[in-house]
PDB file of N, CA and C in Angstrom:
ATOM      1  N   MET A   1     -24.335   3.743 -66.491  1.00  0.00           N
ATOM      2  CA  MET A   1     -24.843   3.859 -65.140  1.00  0.00           C
ATOM      3  C   MET A   1     -23.780   3.440 -64.121  1.00  0.00           C
ATOM      4  N   ARG A   2     -23.077   2.326 -64.373  1.00  0.00           N
ATOM      5  CA  ARG A   2     -22.040   1.868 -63.456  1.00  0.00           C
ATOM      6  C   ARG A   2     -20.920   2.900 -63.341  1.00  0.00           C
ATOM      7  N   LEU A   3     -20.606   3.542 -64.450  1.00  0.00           N
ATOM      8  CA  LEU A   3     -19.563   4.556 -64.436  1.00  0.00           C
ATOM      9  C   LEU A   3     -19.952   5.723 -63.529  1.00  0.00           C
ATOM     10  N   ARG A   4     -21.226   6.122 -63.566  1.00  0.00           N
ATOM     11  CA  ARG A   4     -21.696   7.220 -62.720  1.00  0.00           C
ATOM     12  C   ARG A   4     -21.619   6.836 -61.233  1.00  0.00           C
ATOM     13  N   ILE A   5     -22.007   5.605 -60.921  1.00  0.00           N
ATOM     14  CA  ILE A   5     -21.959   5.137 -59.527  1.00  0.00           C
ATOM     15  C   ILE A   5     -20.506   5.084 -59.049  1.00  0.00           C
ATOM     16  N   ALA A   6     -19.615   4.564 -59.883  1.00  0.00           N
ATOM     17  CA  ALA A   6     -18.202   4.485 -59.523  1.00  0.00           C
ATOM     18  C   ALA A   6     -17.618   5.883 -59.333  1.00  0.00           C
ATOM     19  N   ALA A   7     -17.961   6.807 -60.212  1.00  0.00           N
ATOM     20  CA  ALA A   7     -17.462   8.182 -60.108  1.00  0.00           C
ATOM     21  C   ALA A   7     -17.998   8.854 -58.848  1.00  0.00           C
ATOM     22  N   ALA A   8     -19.267   8.637 -58.548  1.00  0.00           N
ATOM     23  CA  ALA A   8     -19.859   9.221 -57.340  1.00  0.00           C
ATOM     24  C   ALA A   8     -19.211   8.627 -56.093  1.00  0.00           C
ATOM     25  N   SER A   9     -18.976   7.328 -56.098  1.00  0.00           N
ATOM     26  CA  SER A   9     -18.325   6.677 -54.955  1.00  0.00           C
ATOM     27  C   SER A   9     -16.916   7.214 -54.756  1.00  0.00           C
ATOM     28  N   LEU A  10     -16.179   7.378 -55.840  1.00  0.00           N
ATOM     29  CA  LEU A  10     -14.825   7.906 -55.755  1.00  0.00           C
ATOM     30  C   LEU A  10     -14.842   9.337 -55.214  1.00  0.00           C
ATOM     31  N   ALA A  11     -15.795  10.134 -55.662  1.00  0.00           N
ATOM     32  CA  ALA A  11     -15.900  11.516 -55.181  1.00  0.00           C
ATOM     33  C   ALA A  11     -16.183  11.557 -53.682  1.00  0.00           C
ATOM     34  N   VAL A  12     -17.088  10.712 -53.212  1.00  0.00           N
ATOM     35  CA  VAL A  12     -17.417  10.666 -51.786  1.00  0.00           C
ATOM     36  C   VAL A  12     -16.210  10.193 -50.983  1.00  0.00           C
ATOM     37  N   MET A  13     -15.525   9.145 -51.437  1.00  0.00           N
ATOM     38  CA  MET A  13     -14.359   8.624 -50.737  1.00  0.00           C
ATOM     39  C   MET A  13     -13.241   9.665 -50.694  1.00  0.00           C
ATOM     40  N   THR A  14     -13.051  10.397 -51.771  1.00  0.00           N
ATOM     41  CA  THR A  14     -12.029  11.433 -51.803  1.00  0.00           C
ATOM     42  C   THR A  14     -12.379  12.550 -50.839  1.00  0.00           C
ATOM     43  N   PHE A  15     -13.636  12.975 -50.831  1.00  0.00           N
ATOM     44  CA  PHE A  15     -14.081  14.062 -49.968  1.00  0.00           C
ATOM     45  C   PHE A  15     -13.931  13.703 -48.501  1.00  0.00           C
ATOM     46  N   PHE A  16     -14.299  12.483 -48.110  1.00  0.00           N
ATOM     47  CA  PHE A  16     -14.253  12.073 -46.713  1.00  0.00           C
ATOM     48  C   PHE A  16     -12.961  11.353 -46.331  1.00  0.00           C
ATOM     49  N   GLY A  17     -12.021  11.261 -47.236  1.00  0.00           N
ATOM     50  CA  GLY A  17     -10.740  10.642 -46.917  1.00  0.00           C
ATOM     51  C   GLY A  17     -10.794   9.131 -46.862  1.00  0.00           C
ATOM     52  N   ALA A  18     -11.842   8.524 -47.322  1.00  0.00           N
ATOM     53  CA  ALA A  18     -12.022   7.072 -47.403  1.00  0.00           C
ATOM     54  C   ALA A  18     -11.969   6.390 -46.043  1.00  0.00           C
ATOM     55  N   GLY A  19     -11.733   7.118 -44.971  1.00  0.00           N
ATOM     56  CA  GLY A  19     -11.802   6.555 -43.627  1.00  0.00           C
ATOM     57  C   GLY A  19     -10.691   5.597 -43.258  1.00  0.00           C
ATOM     58  N   VAL A  20      -9.733   5.354 -44.141  1.00  0.00           N
ATOM     59  CA  VAL A  20      -8.652   4.419 -43.834  1.00  0.00           C
ATOM     60  C   VAL A  20      -7.280   5.015 -44.115  1.00  0.00           C
ATOM     61  N   ALA A  21      -7.187   6.302 -44.213  1.00  0.00           N
ATOM     62  CA  ALA A  21      -5.922   6.938 -44.582  1.00  0.00           C
ATOM     63  C   ALA A  21      -4.804   6.627 -43.598  1.00  0.00           C
ATOM     64  N   HIS A  22      -5.116   6.447 -42.313  1.00  0.00           N
ATOM     65  CA  HIS A  22      -4.087   6.224 -41.314  1.00  0.00           C
ATOM     66  C   HIS A  22      -4.044   4.784 -40.808  1.00  0.00           C
ATOM     67  N   ALA A  23      -4.734   3.885 -41.487  1.00  0.00           N
ATOM     68  CA  ALA A  23      -4.824   2.500 -41.016  1.00  0.00           C
ATOM     69  C   ALA A  23      -3.465   1.803 -40.988  1.00  0.00           C
ATOM     70  N   ASP A  24      -2.538   2.200 -41.866  1.00  0.00           N
ATOM     71  CA  ASP A  24      -1.242   1.539 -41.937  1.00  0.00           C
ATOM     72  C   ASP A  24      -0.180   2.215 -41.079  1.00  0.00           C
ATOM     73  N   THR A  25      -0.506   3.303 -40.419  1.00  0.00           N
ATOM     74  CA  THR A  25       0.464   4.022 -39.609  1.00  0.00           C
ATOM     75  C   THR A  25       0.796   3.230 -38.350  1.00  0.00           C
ATOM     76  N   GLU A  26       2.091   3.114 -38.061  1.00  0.00           N
ATOM     77  CA  GLU A  26       2.547   2.440 -36.849  1.00  0.00           C
ATOM     78  C   GLU A  26       3.478   3.368 -36.092  1.00  0.00           C
ATOM     79  N   TRP A  27       3.491   3.201 -34.772  1.00  0.00           N
ATOM     80  CA  TRP A  27       4.377   3.965 -33.912  1.00  0.00           C
ATOM     81  C   TRP A  27       5.127   3.001 -33.025  1.00  0.00           C
ATOM     82  N   GLU A  28       6.296   3.424 -32.561  1.00  0.00           N
ATOM     83  CA  GLU A  28       7.050   2.629 -31.603  1.00  0.00           C
ATOM     84  C   GLU A  28       6.637   3.052 -30.204  1.00  0.00           C
ATOM     85  N   MET A  29       6.296   2.071 -29.386  1.00  0.00           N
ATOM     86  CA  MET A  29       5.876   2.352 -28.016  1.00  0.00           C
ATOM     87  C   MET A  29       7.067   2.900 -27.231  1.00  0.00           C
ATOM     88  N   PRO A  30       6.932   4.103 -26.658  1.00  0.00           N
ATOM     89  CA  PRO A  30       8.036   4.667 -25.878  1.00  0.00           C
ATOM     90  C   PRO A  30       8.090   4.089 -24.468  1.00  0.00           C
ATOM     91  N   TYR A  31       9.127   4.436 -23.740  1.00  0.00           N
ATOM     92  CA  TYR A  31       9.245   4.051 -22.335  1.00  0.00           C
ATOM     93  C   TYR A  31       8.641   5.165 -21.493  1.00  0.00           C
ATOM     94  N   PHE A  32       7.589   4.858 -20.727  1.00  0.00           N
ATOM     95  CA  PHE A  32       6.905   5.840 -19.895  1.00  0.00           C
ATOM     96  C   PHE A  32       7.310   5.761 -18.426  1.00  0.00           C
ATOM     97  N   GLY A  33       8.123   4.782 -18.047  1.00  0.00           N
ATOM     98  CA  GLY A  33       8.479   4.564 -16.644  1.00  0.00           C
ATOM     99  C   GLY A  33       9.021   5.820 -15.970  1.00  0.00           C
ATOM    100  N   GLY A  34       8.512   6.116 -14.785  1.00  0.00           N
ATOM    101  CA  GLY A  34       8.957   7.264 -14.021  1.00  0.00           C
ATOM    102  C   GLY A  34       8.281   8.573 -14.376  1.00  0.00           C
ATOM    103  N   MET A  35       7.566   8.609 -15.498  1.00  0.00           N
ATOM    104  CA  MET A  35       6.829   9.822 -15.869  1.00  0.00           C
ATOM    105  C   MET A  35       5.550   9.910 -15.053  1.00  0.00           C
ATOM    106  N   THR A  36       4.994  11.110 -14.976  1.00  0.00           N
ATOM    107  CA  THR A  36       3.643  11.228 -14.438  1.00  0.00           C
ATOM    108  C   THR A  36       2.688  10.817 -15.545  1.00  0.00           C
ATOM    109  N   LEU A  37       1.456  10.519 -15.179  1.00  0.00           N
ATOM    110  CA  LEU A  37       0.461  10.172 -16.190  1.00  0.00           C
ATOM    111  C   LEU A  37       0.279  11.324 -17.170  1.00  0.00           C
ATOM    112  N   ASP A  38       0.277  12.539 -16.671  1.00  0.00           N
ATOM    113  CA  ASP A  38       0.129  13.707 -17.529  1.00  0.00           C
ATOM    114  C   ASP A  38       1.277  13.794 -18.543  1.00  0.00           C
ATOM    115  N   GLU A  39       2.510  13.534 -18.093  1.00  0.00           N
ATOM    116  CA  GLU A  39       3.669  13.546 -19.004  1.00  0.00           C
ATOM    117  C   GLU A  39       3.571  12.424 -20.033  1.00  0.00           C
ATOM    118  N   ALA A  40       3.128  11.248 -19.594  1.00  0.00           N
ATOM    119  CA  ALA A  40       2.986  10.112 -20.517  1.00  0.00           C
ATOM    120  C   ALA A  40       1.944  10.416 -21.593  1.00  0.00           C
ATOM    121  N   ARG A  41       0.823  11.003 -21.193  1.00  0.00           N
ATOM    122  CA  ARG A  41      -0.207  11.363 -22.178  1.00  0.00           C
ATOM    123  C   ARG A  41       0.320  12.391 -23.174  1.00  0.00           C
ATOM    124  N   SER A  42       1.029  13.403 -22.674  1.00  0.00           N
ATOM    125  CA  SER A  42       1.584  14.434 -23.569  1.00  0.00           C
ATOM    126  C   SER A  42       2.604  13.830 -24.526  1.00  0.00           C
ATOM    127  N   THR A  43       3.450  12.937 -24.021  1.00  0.00           N
ATOM    128  CA  THR A  43       4.450  12.269 -24.864  1.00  0.00           C
ATOM    129  C   THR A  43       3.764  11.451 -25.945  1.00  0.00           C
ATOM    130  N   TRP A  44       2.753  10.678 -25.556  1.00  0.00           N
ATOM    131  CA  TRP A  44       2.045   9.837 -26.517  1.00  0.00           C
ATOM    132  C   TRP A  44       1.357  10.687 -27.585  1.00  0.00           C
ATOM    133  N   ASP A  45       0.710  11.755 -27.172  1.00  0.00           N
ATOM    134  CA  ASP A  45       0.041  12.644 -28.133  1.00  0.00           C
ATOM    135  C   ASP A  45       1.043  13.282 -29.091  1.00  0.00           C
ATOM    136  N   ALA A  46       2.226  13.644 -28.593  1.00  0.00           N
ATOM    137  CA  ALA A  46       3.253  14.238 -29.452  1.00  0.00           C
ATOM    138  C   ALA A  46       3.778  13.220 -30.469  1.00  0.00           C
ATOM    139  N   ILE A  47       3.982  11.987 -30.033  1.00  0.00           N
ATOM    140  CA  ILE A  47       4.490  10.938 -30.930  1.00  0.00           C
ATOM    141  C   ILE A  47       3.485  10.616 -32.021  1.00  0.00           C
ATOM    142  N   THR A  48       2.221  10.519 -31.651  1.00  0.00           N
ATOM    143  CA  THR A  48       1.191  10.079 -32.605  1.00  0.00           C
ATOM    144  C   THR A  48       0.462  11.234 -33.273  1.00  0.00           C
ATOM    145  N   ALA A  49       0.768  12.455 -32.896  1.00  0.00           N
ATOM    146  CA  ALA A  49       0.072  13.642 -33.416  1.00  0.00           C
ATOM    147  C   ALA A  49      -1.439  13.509 -33.230  1.00  0.00           C
ATOM    148  N   GLY A  50      -1.838  12.868 -32.127  1.00  0.00           N
ATOM    149  CA  GLY A  50      -3.259  12.705 -31.834  1.00  0.00           C
ATOM    150  C   GLY A  50      -3.967  11.662 -32.672  1.00  0.00           C
ATOM    151  N   GLU A  51      -3.239  10.922 -33.496  1.00  0.00           N
ATOM    152  CA  GLU A  51      -3.833   9.925 -34.392  1.00  0.00           C
ATOM    153  C   GLU A  51      -3.793   8.513 -33.819  1.00  0.00           C
ATOM    154  N   GLY A  52      -3.100   8.310 -32.707  1.00  0.00           N
ATOM    155  CA  GLY A  52      -2.920   6.967 -32.160  1.00  0.00           C
ATOM    156  C   GLY A  52      -4.065   6.530 -31.270  1.00  0.00           C
ATOM    157  N   PRO A  53      -4.004   5.288 -30.813  1.00  0.00           N
ATOM    158  CA  PRO A  53      -5.036   4.795 -29.903  1.00  0.00           C
ATOM    159  C   PRO A  53      -4.959   5.518 -28.563  1.00  0.00           C
ATOM    160  N   GLU A  54      -6.062   5.493 -27.838  1.00  0.00           N
ATOM    161  CA  GLU A  54      -6.124   6.145 -26.536  1.00  0.00           C
ATOM    162  C   GLU A  54      -5.198   5.450 -25.544  1.00  0.00           C
ATOM    163  N   LEU A  55      -4.482   6.239 -24.769  1.00  0.00           N
ATOM    164  CA  LEU A  55      -3.635   5.711 -23.702  1.00  0.00           C
ATOM    165  C   LEU A  55      -4.517   5.498 -22.477  1.00  0.00           C
ATOM    166  N   LYS A  56      -4.822   4.236 -22.195  1.00  0.00           N
ATOM    167  CA  LYS A  56      -5.708   3.904 -21.079  1.00  0.00           C
ATOM    168  C   LYS A  56      -4.910   3.843 -19.778  1.00  0.00           C
ATOM    169  N   THR A  57      -5.623   3.934 -18.658  1.00  0.00           N
ATOM    170  CA  THR A  57      -4.985   4.014 -17.353  1.00  0.00           C
ATOM    171  C   THR A  57      -5.536   2.964 -16.399  1.00  0.00           C
ATOM    172  N   ARG A  58      -4.645   2.390 -15.607  1.00  0.00           N
ATOM    173  CA  ARG A  58      -5.036   1.486 -14.522  1.00  0.00           C
ATOM    174  C   ARG A  58      -4.355   1.972 -13.257  1.00  0.00           C
ATOM    175  N   ILE A  59      -5.141   2.218 -12.223  1.00  0.00           N
ATOM    176  CA  ILE A  59      -4.600   2.683 -10.948  1.00  0.00           C
ATOM    177  C   ILE A  59      -4.242   1.474 -10.090  1.00  0.00           C
ATOM    178  N   ILE A  60      -3.005   1.460  -9.570  1.00  0.00           N
ATOM    179  CA  ILE A  60      -2.531   0.349  -8.739  1.00  0.00           C
ATOM    180  C   ILE A  60      -1.882   0.899  -7.468  1.00  0.00           C
ATOM    181  N   ASN A  61      -1.616   0.030  -6.518  1.00  0.00           N
ATOM    182  CA  ASN A  61      -0.845   0.338  -5.308  1.00  0.00           C
ATOM    183  C   ASN A  61      -1.318   1.576  -4.560  1.00  0.00           C
ATOM    184  N   THR A  62      -2.582   1.756  -4.443  1.00  0.00           N
ATOM    185  CA  THR A  62      -3.063   2.891  -3.656  1.00  0.00           C
ATOM    186  C   THR A  62      -3.548   2.389  -2.301  1.00  0.00           C
ATOM    187  N   ALA A  63      -3.800   3.295  -1.419  1.00  0.00           N
ATOM    188  CA  ALA A  63      -4.243   2.934  -0.078  1.00  0.00           C
ATOM    189  C   ALA A  63      -5.453   3.778   0.297  1.00  0.00           C
ATOM    190  N   PRO A  64      -6.271   3.297   1.226  1.00  0.00           N
ATOM    191  CA  PRO A  64      -7.423   4.088   1.654  1.00  0.00           C
ATOM    192  C   PRO A  64      -6.980   5.460   2.165  1.00  0.00           C
ATOM    193  N   GLY A  65      -7.739   6.463   1.848  1.00  0.00           N
ATOM    194  CA  GLY A  65      -7.452   7.807   2.320  1.00  0.00           C
ATOM    195  C   GLY A  65      -6.532   8.612   1.415  1.00  0.00           C
ATOM    196  N   ILE A  66      -5.918   7.974   0.417  1.00  0.00           N
ATOM    197  CA  ILE A  66      -5.073   8.718  -0.519  1.00  0.00           C
ATOM    198  C   ILE A  66      -5.980   9.318  -1.582  1.00  0.00           C
ATOM    199  N   PRO A  67      -5.948  10.646  -1.726  1.00  0.00           N
ATOM    200  CA  PRO A  67      -6.818  11.265  -2.736  1.00  0.00           C
ATOM    201  C   PRO A  67      -6.423  10.833  -4.151  1.00  0.00           C
ATOM    202  N   ILE A  68      -7.419  10.592  -4.957  1.00  0.00           N
ATOM    203  CA  ILE A  68      -7.180  10.186  -6.337  1.00  0.00           C
ATOM    204  C   ILE A  68      -6.806  11.420  -7.157  1.00  0.00           C
ATOM    205  N   ASN A  69      -5.562  11.438  -7.627  1.00  0.00           N
ATOM    206  CA  ASN A  69      -5.070  12.498  -8.509  1.00  0.00           C
ATOM    207  C   ASN A  69      -4.139  11.832  -9.508  1.00  0.00           C
ATOM    208  N   SER A  70      -4.693  10.949 -10.306  1.00  0.00           N
ATOM    209  CA  SER A  70      -3.873  10.098 -11.157  1.00  0.00           C
ATOM    210  C   SER A  70      -3.055  10.856 -12.199  1.00  0.00           C
ATOM    211  N   ASP A  71      -3.437  12.085 -12.561  1.00  0.00           N
ATOM    212  CA  ASP A  71      -2.657  12.843 -13.543  1.00  0.00           C
ATOM    213  C   ASP A  71      -1.233  13.095 -13.063  1.00  0.00           C
ATOM    214  N   SER A  72      -1.046  13.242 -11.756  1.00  0.00           N
ATOM    215  CA  SER A  72       0.290  13.509 -11.222  1.00  0.00           C
ATOM    216  C   SER A  72       0.948  12.252 -10.652  1.00  0.00           C
ATOM    217  N   TRP A  73       0.286  11.107 -10.756  1.00  0.00           N
ATOM    218  CA  TRP A  73       0.848   9.870 -10.246  1.00  0.00           C
ATOM    219  C   TRP A  73       1.908   9.322 -11.198  1.00  0.00           C
ATOM    220  N   THR A  74       2.712   8.420 -10.698  1.00  0.00           N
ATOM    221  CA  THR A  74       3.843   7.874 -11.439  1.00  0.00           C
ATOM    222  C   THR A  74       3.449   6.637 -12.242  1.00  0.00           C
ATOM    223  N   VAL A  75       3.967   6.561 -13.478  1.00  0.00           N
ATOM    224  CA  VAL A  75       3.765   5.375 -14.309  1.00  0.00           C
ATOM    225  C   VAL A  75       4.692   4.278 -13.799  1.00  0.00           C
ATOM    226  N   CYS A  76       4.096   3.139 -13.428  1.00  0.00           N
ATOM    227  CA  CYS A  76       4.853   2.002 -12.891  1.00  0.00           C
ATOM    228  C   CYS A  76       5.019   0.878 -13.912  1.00  0.00           C
ATOM    229  N   GLY A  77       4.146   0.815 -14.879  1.00  0.00           N
ATOM    230  CA  GLY A  77       4.197  -0.245 -15.877  1.00  0.00           C
ATOM    231  C   GLY A  77       3.412   0.153 -17.104  1.00  0.00           C
ATOM    232  N   GLN A  78       3.586  -0.614 -18.160  1.00  0.00           N
ATOM    233  CA  GLN A  78       2.890  -0.300 -19.405  1.00  0.00           C
ATOM    234  C   GLN A  78       2.765  -1.538 -20.277  1.00  0.00           C
ATOM    235  N   LYS A  79       1.765  -1.510 -21.127  1.00  0.00           N
ATOM    236  CA  LYS A  79       1.570  -2.540 -22.153  1.00  0.00           C
ATOM    237  C   LYS A  79       1.137  -1.816 -23.412  1.00  0.00           C
ATOM    238  N   PRO A  80       1.664  -2.102 -24.535  1.00  0.00           N
ATOM    239  CA  PRO A  80       2.777  -3.004 -24.812  1.00  0.00           C
ATOM    240  C   PRO A  80       4.089  -2.461 -24.239  1.00  0.00           C
ATOM    241  N   TYR A  81       5.095  -3.303 -24.295  1.00  0.00           N
ATOM    242  CA  TYR A  81       6.397  -2.941 -23.765  1.00  0.00           C
ATOM    243  C   TYR A  81       7.086  -1.918 -24.667  1.00  0.00           C
ATOM    244  N   PRO A  82       8.002  -1.123 -24.114  1.00  0.00           N
ATOM    245  CA  PRO A  82       8.735  -0.147 -24.922  1.00  0.00           C
ATOM    246  C   PRO A  82       9.421  -0.819 -26.115  1.00  0.00           C
ATOM    247  N   GLY A  83       9.371  -0.131 -27.241  1.00  0.00           N
ATOM    248  CA  GLY A  83       9.999  -0.639 -28.453  1.00  0.00           C
ATOM    249  C   GLY A  83       9.083  -1.444 -29.350  1.00  0.00           C
ATOM    250  N   GLU A  84       7.943  -1.905 -28.831  1.00  0.00           N
ATOM    251  CA  GLU A  84       7.004  -2.660 -29.661  1.00  0.00           C
ATOM    252  C   GLU A  84       6.256  -1.720 -30.592  1.00  0.00           C
ATOM    253  N   SER A  85       5.845  -2.236 -31.727  1.00  0.00           N
ATOM    254  CA  SER A  85       5.066  -1.457 -32.693  1.00  0.00           C
ATOM    255  C   SER A  85       3.593  -1.501 -32.339  1.00  0.00           C
ATOM    256  N   VAL A  86       2.932  -0.352 -32.460  1.00  0.00           N
ATOM    257  CA  VAL A  86       1.493  -0.261 -32.235  1.00  0.00           C
ATOM    258  C   VAL A  86       0.874   0.493 -33.400  1.00  0.00           C
ATOM    259  N   ASP A  87      -0.396   0.214 -33.656  1.00  0.00           N
ATOM    260  CA  ASP A  87      -1.126   0.941 -34.687  1.00  0.00           C
ATOM    261  C   ASP A  87      -2.438   1.441 -34.103  1.00  0.00           C
ATOM    262  N   ALA A  88      -3.261   2.037 -34.927  1.00  0.00           N
ATOM    263  CA  ALA A  88      -4.503   2.659 -34.448  1.00  0.00           C
ATOM    264  C   ALA A  88      -5.451   1.655 -33.797  1.00  0.00           C
ATOM    265  N   SER A  89      -5.327   0.372 -34.112  1.00  0.00           N
ATOM    266  CA  SER A  89      -6.221  -0.624 -33.532  1.00  0.00           C
ATOM    267  C   SER A  89      -5.651  -1.260 -32.262  1.00  0.00           C
ATOM    268  N   SER A  90      -4.437  -0.891 -31.880  1.00  0.00           N
ATOM    269  CA  SER A  90      -3.795  -1.472 -30.697  1.00  0.00           C
ATOM    270  C   SER A  90      -4.448  -0.986 -29.413  1.00  0.00           C
ATOM    271  N   SER A  91      -4.354  -1.809 -28.384  1.00  0.00           N
ATOM    272  CA  SER A  91      -4.804  -1.429 -27.054  1.00  0.00           C
ATOM    273  C   SER A  91      -3.545  -1.133 -26.239  1.00  0.00           C
ATOM    274  N   ILE A  92      -3.440   0.090 -25.725  1.00  0.00           N
ATOM    275  CA  ILE A  92      -2.276   0.468 -24.942  1.00  0.00           C
ATOM    276  C   ILE A  92      -2.725   1.004 -23.592  1.00  0.00           C
ATOM    277  N   ALA A  93      -1.901   0.765 -22.570  1.00  0.00           N
ATOM    278  CA  ALA A  93      -2.282   1.203 -21.224  1.00  0.00           C
ATOM    279  C   ALA A  93      -1.039   1.385 -20.365  1.00  0.00           C
ATOM    280  N   VAL A  94      -1.208   2.227 -19.348  1.00  0.00           N
ATOM    281  CA  VAL A  94      -0.168   2.396 -18.331  1.00  0.00           C
ATOM    282  C   VAL A  94      -0.786   2.141 -16.970  1.00  0.00           C
ATOM    283  N   ALA A  95       0.022   1.625 -16.056  1.00  0.00           N
ATOM    284  CA  ALA A  95      -0.399   1.439 -14.664  1.00  0.00           C
ATOM    285  C   ALA A  95       0.244   2.567 -13.861  1.00  0.00           C
ATOM    286  N   VAL A  96      -0.546   3.261 -13.061  1.00  0.00           N
ATOM    287  CA  VAL A  96      -0.044   4.387 -12.273  1.00  0.00           C
ATOM    288  C   VAL A  96      -0.347   4.191 -10.798  1.00  0.00           C
ATOM    289  N   SER A  97       0.507   4.792  -9.966  1.00  0.00           N
ATOM    290  CA  SER A  97       0.265   4.770  -8.526  1.00  0.00           C
ATOM    291  C   SER A  97       0.754   6.084  -7.935  1.00  0.00           C
ATOM    292  N   PRO A  98       0.364   6.371  -6.692  1.00  0.00           N
ATOM    293  CA  PRO A  98       0.843   7.598  -6.063  1.00  0.00           C
ATOM    294  C   PRO A  98       2.371   7.624  -6.039  1.00  0.00           C
ATOM    295  N   PRO A  99       2.973   8.816  -6.057  1.00  0.00           N
ATOM    296  CA  PRO A  99       4.430   8.907  -6.032  1.00  0.00           C
ATOM    297  C   PRO A  99       5.035   8.092  -4.882  1.00  0.00           C
ATOM    298  N   GLY A 100       6.101   7.360  -5.204  1.00  0.00           N
ATOM    299  CA  GLY A 100       6.789   6.560  -4.204  1.00  0.00           C
ATOM    300  C   GLY A 100       6.148   5.214  -3.905  1.00  0.00           C
ATOM    301  N   MET A 101       5.089   4.829  -4.616  1.00  0.00           N
ATOM    302  CA  MET A 101       4.403   3.561  -4.326  1.00  0.00           C
ATOM    303  C   MET A 101       4.500   2.537  -5.459  1.00  0.00           C
ATOM    304  N   CYS A 102       5.401   2.749  -6.425  1.00  0.00           N
ATOM    305  CA  CYS A 102       5.553   1.766  -7.506  1.00  0.00           C
ATOM    306  C   CYS A 102       6.218   0.501  -6.991  1.00  0.00           C
TER     307      CYS A 102
END
């Protein structure tokens, strides 16, 4: 009976990929400074092949009356810093502001 349960568990884990296939994957955080948010997102997706953590956004240095169009805004800062290792459980973010306001 135990053999059947173990075999069934192995079959299910193999079929669904065991859910941890990419847990050990790490990426080096690139430098996003001066890029637009859209460019930073595309760069991050290319580096991680869509497997990495979400690139979160924080809007800074804006003023009343400036329309919110953060996709074309400039990256002014980021966490973690360039060169640091990140994995799927890491929290990563960029700070963006309108062009010329970093």
